[in-house]
Amino acid sequence: MTRRAICGIILYYEEKLVVRIIILGIDPGIAIVGYGVIEYKNSRFVTLAHGSIQTPAHTNVEDRLMQIYDELDTIIKMYHPSEMAIEELFFNTNQKTMVPVAEARGVILLCARQNGLSIAEYTPLQVKQSVVGYGRAVKKQVMHMVSLILRLENTPKLDDTCDALAIAVCHANCNGSRVQNYYNLRK
């Protein structure tokens, strides 16, 4: 069999191959956890759900963490994602909230692992680069591109929700790439 014939067979099977994954994107927080659930099928996006888990202020941390776990568990059981993409912690100015956010992130990772999801982590720079094409993009540019890519009629009102959708899109764009594998070696 010639090389050309083999390449033709491979191309035929690649065209018939359907790549479909459901991705849960998470923007972690203690007061607001943004989430976005997207389906990525043959290089096309469908938004299944997006929103936020909001915990009341002046509530003890244990109750807030339990609420995050319970609501996230419900979302996972409802949409059956196979993968979760979460933003790595980045603190530029407000280091006071670092510990509670890290605790919430730990609960989120635990919930995902207990539900059998594979987990990928991305920096804000990676997300912006993947969604906008520029790692130093401003929030408005990210929101605009997320709306265009996912064909949303209305841009989500909360930044956390939009960020979660951007993280899910980033994961779909990077899934299986060497860059994504490199950044997730530390797990």
Protein backbone atom coordinates (compact mmCIF):
# COMPACT_ATOMS: atom_id res chain seq x y z
CA MET A 1 0.00 0.00 0.00
CA THR A 2 1.39 3.40 -0.91
CA ARG A 3 1.95 6.21 1.50
CA ARG A 4 -0.71 8.27 -0.27
CA ALA A 5 -3.30 5.52 0.19
CA ILE A 6 -2.47 5.21 3.88
CA CYS A 7 -2.80 8.98 4.34
CA GLY A 8 -6.16 8.87 2.56
CA ILE A 9 -7.42 6.15 4.91
CA ILE A 10 -6.25 8.08 7.96
CA LEU A 11 -7.97 11.25 6.76
CA TYR A 12 -11.18 9.29 6.11
CA TYR A 13 -11.23 7.95 9.66
CA GLU A 14 -10.34 11.34 11.17
CA GLU A 15 -13.34 12.88 9.40
CA LYS A 16 -15.60 10.19 10.85
CA LEU A 17 -14.14 10.56 14.32
CA VAL A 18 -16.40 12.55 16.63
CA VAL A 19 -14.62 14.30 19.46
CA ARG A 20 -17.10 15.25 22.18
CA ILE A 21 -16.31 16.35 25.69
CA ILE A 22 -18.29 18.17 28.33
CA ILE A 23 -16.11 20.58 30.26
CA LEU A 24 -16.85 22.28 33.56
CA GLY A 25 -14.96 25.56 33.87
CA ILE A 26 -14.47 26.96 37.37
CA ASP A 27 -13.40 30.38 38.62
CA PRO A 28 -12.75 29.64 42.31
CA GLY A 29 -13.69 31.92 45.17
CA ILE A 30 -15.14 31.82 48.66
CA ALA A 31 -17.92 34.39 48.15
CA ILE A 32 -18.60 33.62 44.48
CA VAL A 33 -17.62 30.53 42.50
CA GLY A 34 -18.22 31.06 38.81
CA TYR A 35 -19.03 28.00 36.72
CA GLY A 36 -19.59 27.30 33.05
CA VAL A 37 -20.50 24.00 31.44
CA ILE A 38 -19.77 23.66 27.74
CA GLU A 39 -19.89 20.86 25.23
CA TYR A 40 -17.02 20.77 22.77
CA LYS A 41 -17.87 18.61 19.78
CA ASN A 42 -15.84 18.56 16.56
CA SER A 43 -14.37 22.01 17.20
CA ARG A 44 -17.78 23.54 17.98
CA PHE A 45 -18.98 24.90 21.28
CA VAL A 46 -22.39 24.60 22.89
CA THR A 47 -23.06 26.28 26.22
CA LEU A 48 -25.00 23.94 28.49
CA ALA A 49 -25.10 26.10 31.62
CA HIS A 50 -23.39 28.95 33.39
CA GLY A 51 -23.86 30.76 36.64
CA SER A 52 -22.41 31.16 40.09
CA ILE A 53 -22.45 29.62 43.52
CA GLN A 54 -22.77 32.48 46.00
CA THR A 55 -22.16 32.03 49.70
CA PRO A 56 -23.52 34.55 52.21
CA ALA A 57 -21.09 36.90 53.90
CA HIS A 58 -20.74 36.73 57.68
CA THR A 59 -21.23 32.96 57.58
CA ASN A 60 -18.54 30.73 59.04
CA VAL A 61 -16.09 29.32 56.54
CA GLU A 62 -17.04 25.66 57.13
CA ASP A 63 -20.65 26.34 56.12
CA ARG A 64 -19.55 28.28 53.04
CA LEU A 65 -17.26 25.43 51.99
CA MET A 66 -20.03 22.89 52.50
CA GLN A 67 -22.41 24.97 50.36
CA ILE A 68 -19.81 25.19 47.58
CA TYR A 69 -19.25 21.44 47.70
CA ASP A 70 -22.97 20.57 47.71
CA GLU A 71 -23.93 22.94 44.89
CA LEU A 72 -20.96 21.94 42.74
CA ASP A 73 -21.74 18.27 43.31
CA THR A 74 -25.31 18.92 42.09
CA ILE A 75 -24.02 20.69 38.95
CA ILE A 76 -21.64 17.81 38.18
CA LYS A 77 -24.38 15.21 38.62
CA MET A 78 -26.76 17.25 36.43
CA TYR A 79 -24.47 17.83 33.42
CA HIS A 80 -22.04 14.87 33.69
CA PRO A 81 -18.84 16.62 32.61
CA SER A 82 -15.83 14.41 32.09
CA GLU A 83 -13.30 17.18 32.68
CA MET A 84 -12.94 20.21 34.89
CA ALA A 85 -10.74 23.20 34.16
CA ILE A 86 -9.96 25.53 37.03
CA GLU A 87 -8.03 28.75 37.30
CA GLU A 88 -4.83 28.64 39.30
CA LEU A 89 -4.72 30.97 42.27
CA PHE A 90 -3.30 34.38 41.50
CA PHE A 91 -3.21 37.15 44.08
CA ASN A 92 -2.03 40.53 43.01
CA THR A 93 -3.40 42.90 45.62
CA ASN A 94 -5.84 41.34 48.11
CA GLN A 95 -3.80 38.75 49.98
CA LYS A 96 -6.28 38.84 52.88
CA THR A 97 -8.65 36.53 50.98
CA MET A 98 -5.92 34.13 49.86
CA VAL A 99 -6.46 31.45 52.54
CA PRO A 100 -10.29 31.22 52.27
CA VAL A 101 -10.09 31.13 48.46
CA ALA A 102 -7.43 28.42 48.64
CA GLU A 103 -9.69 26.43 50.98
CA ALA A 104 -12.62 26.82 48.56
CA ARG A 105 -10.39 25.72 45.70
CA GLY A 106 -9.42 22.64 47.68
CA VAL A 107 -13.08 21.74 48.23
CA ILE A 108 -13.74 22.24 44.50
CA LEU A 109 -10.84 19.96 43.54
CA LEU A 110 -12.03 17.34 46.04
CA CYS A 111 -15.58 17.42 44.65
CA ALA A 112 -14.29 17.03 41.09
CA ARG A 113 -11.99 14.15 42.01
CA GLN A 114 -14.72 12.34 43.98
CA ASN A 115 -16.95 12.59 40.91
CA GLY A 116 -14.23 11.11 38.69
CA LEU A 117 -13.46 14.22 36.64
CA SER A 118 -10.04 14.78 35.16
CA ILE A 119 -8.71 18.14 36.29
CA ALA A 120 -6.65 20.74 34.46
CA GLU A 121 -5.34 24.03 35.82
CA TYR A 122 -4.66 27.22 33.88
CA THR A 123 -3.14 30.55 34.77
CA PRO A 124 -5.02 33.77 33.93
CA LEU A 125 -2.35 34.46 31.30
CA GLN A 126 -2.98 31.09 29.61
CA VAL A 127 -6.74 31.67 29.59
CA LYS A 128 -6.44 35.13 28.04
CA GLN A 129 -3.94 33.89 25.45
CA SER A 130 -6.21 31.01 24.46
CA VAL A 131 -9.46 32.99 24.31
CA VAL A 132 -8.35 36.41 23.08
CA GLY A 133 -4.96 35.64 21.54
CA TYR A 134 -3.21 38.09 23.86
CA GLY A 135 -2.10 37.16 27.38
CA ARG A 136 -2.46 40.70 28.74
CA ALA A 137 -6.02 41.23 27.48
CA VAL A 138 -8.39 43.23 29.67
CA LYS A 139 -11.55 41.78 31.19
CA LYS A 140 -13.81 43.48 28.61
CA GLN A 141 -11.92 41.82 25.72
CA VAL A 142 -12.22 38.39 27.35
CA MET A 143 -15.95 38.88 27.95
CA HIS A 144 -16.48 39.94 24.33
CA MET A 145 -14.59 36.95 22.91
CA VAL A 146 -16.36 34.48 25.21
CA SER A 147 -19.70 35.82 23.97
CA LEU A 148 -18.59 35.48 20.34
CA ILE A 149 -17.03 32.00 20.67
CA LEU A 150 -19.98 30.55 22.59
CA ARG A 151 -22.59 32.53 20.60
CA LEU A 152 -24.17 33.88 23.78
CA GLU A 153 -27.11 36.24 23.34
CA ASN A 154 -26.19 38.10 26.52
CA THR A 155 -22.79 38.36 28.18
CA PRO A 156 -22.94 36.94 31.72
CA LYS A 157 -23.37 39.71 34.28
CA LEU A 158 -20.84 38.37 36.79
CA ASP A 159 -17.15 38.45 35.90
CA ASP A 160 -16.74 35.13 37.74
CA THR A 161 -19.21 33.39 35.43
CA CYS A 162 -17.59 34.83 32.31
CA ASP A 163 -14.16 33.82 33.61
CA ALA A 164 -15.39 30.26 34.21
CA LEU A 165 -16.67 30.03 30.62
CA ALA A 166 -13.32 31.40 29.38
CA ILE A 167 -11.48 28.74 31.40
CA ALA A 168 -13.65 26.01 29.84
CA VAL A 169 -12.97 27.39 26.34
CA CYS A 170 -9.26 27.55 27.13
CA HIS A 171 -9.31 23.90 28.15
CA ALA A 172 -11.10 22.88 24.97
CA ASN A 173 -8.52 24.80 22.92
CA CYS A 174 -5.54 23.40 24.85
CA ASN A 175 -6.74 19.88 25.61
CA GLY A 176 -4.00 17.41 24.77
CA SER A 177 -1.47 20.06 23.85
CA ARG A 178 2.10 19.97 25.11
CA VAL A 179 1.60 23.30 26.87
CA GLN A 180 -1.39 21.98 28.85
CA ASN A 181 0.42 18.76 29.72
CA TYR A 182 3.48 20.71 30.87
CA TYR A 183 1.51 22.97 33.23
CA ASN A 184 -0.38 20.01 34.68
CA LEU A 185 2.66 17.83 35.43
CA ARG A 186 2.71 19.03 39.03
CA LYS A 187 -0.47 17.18 39.99
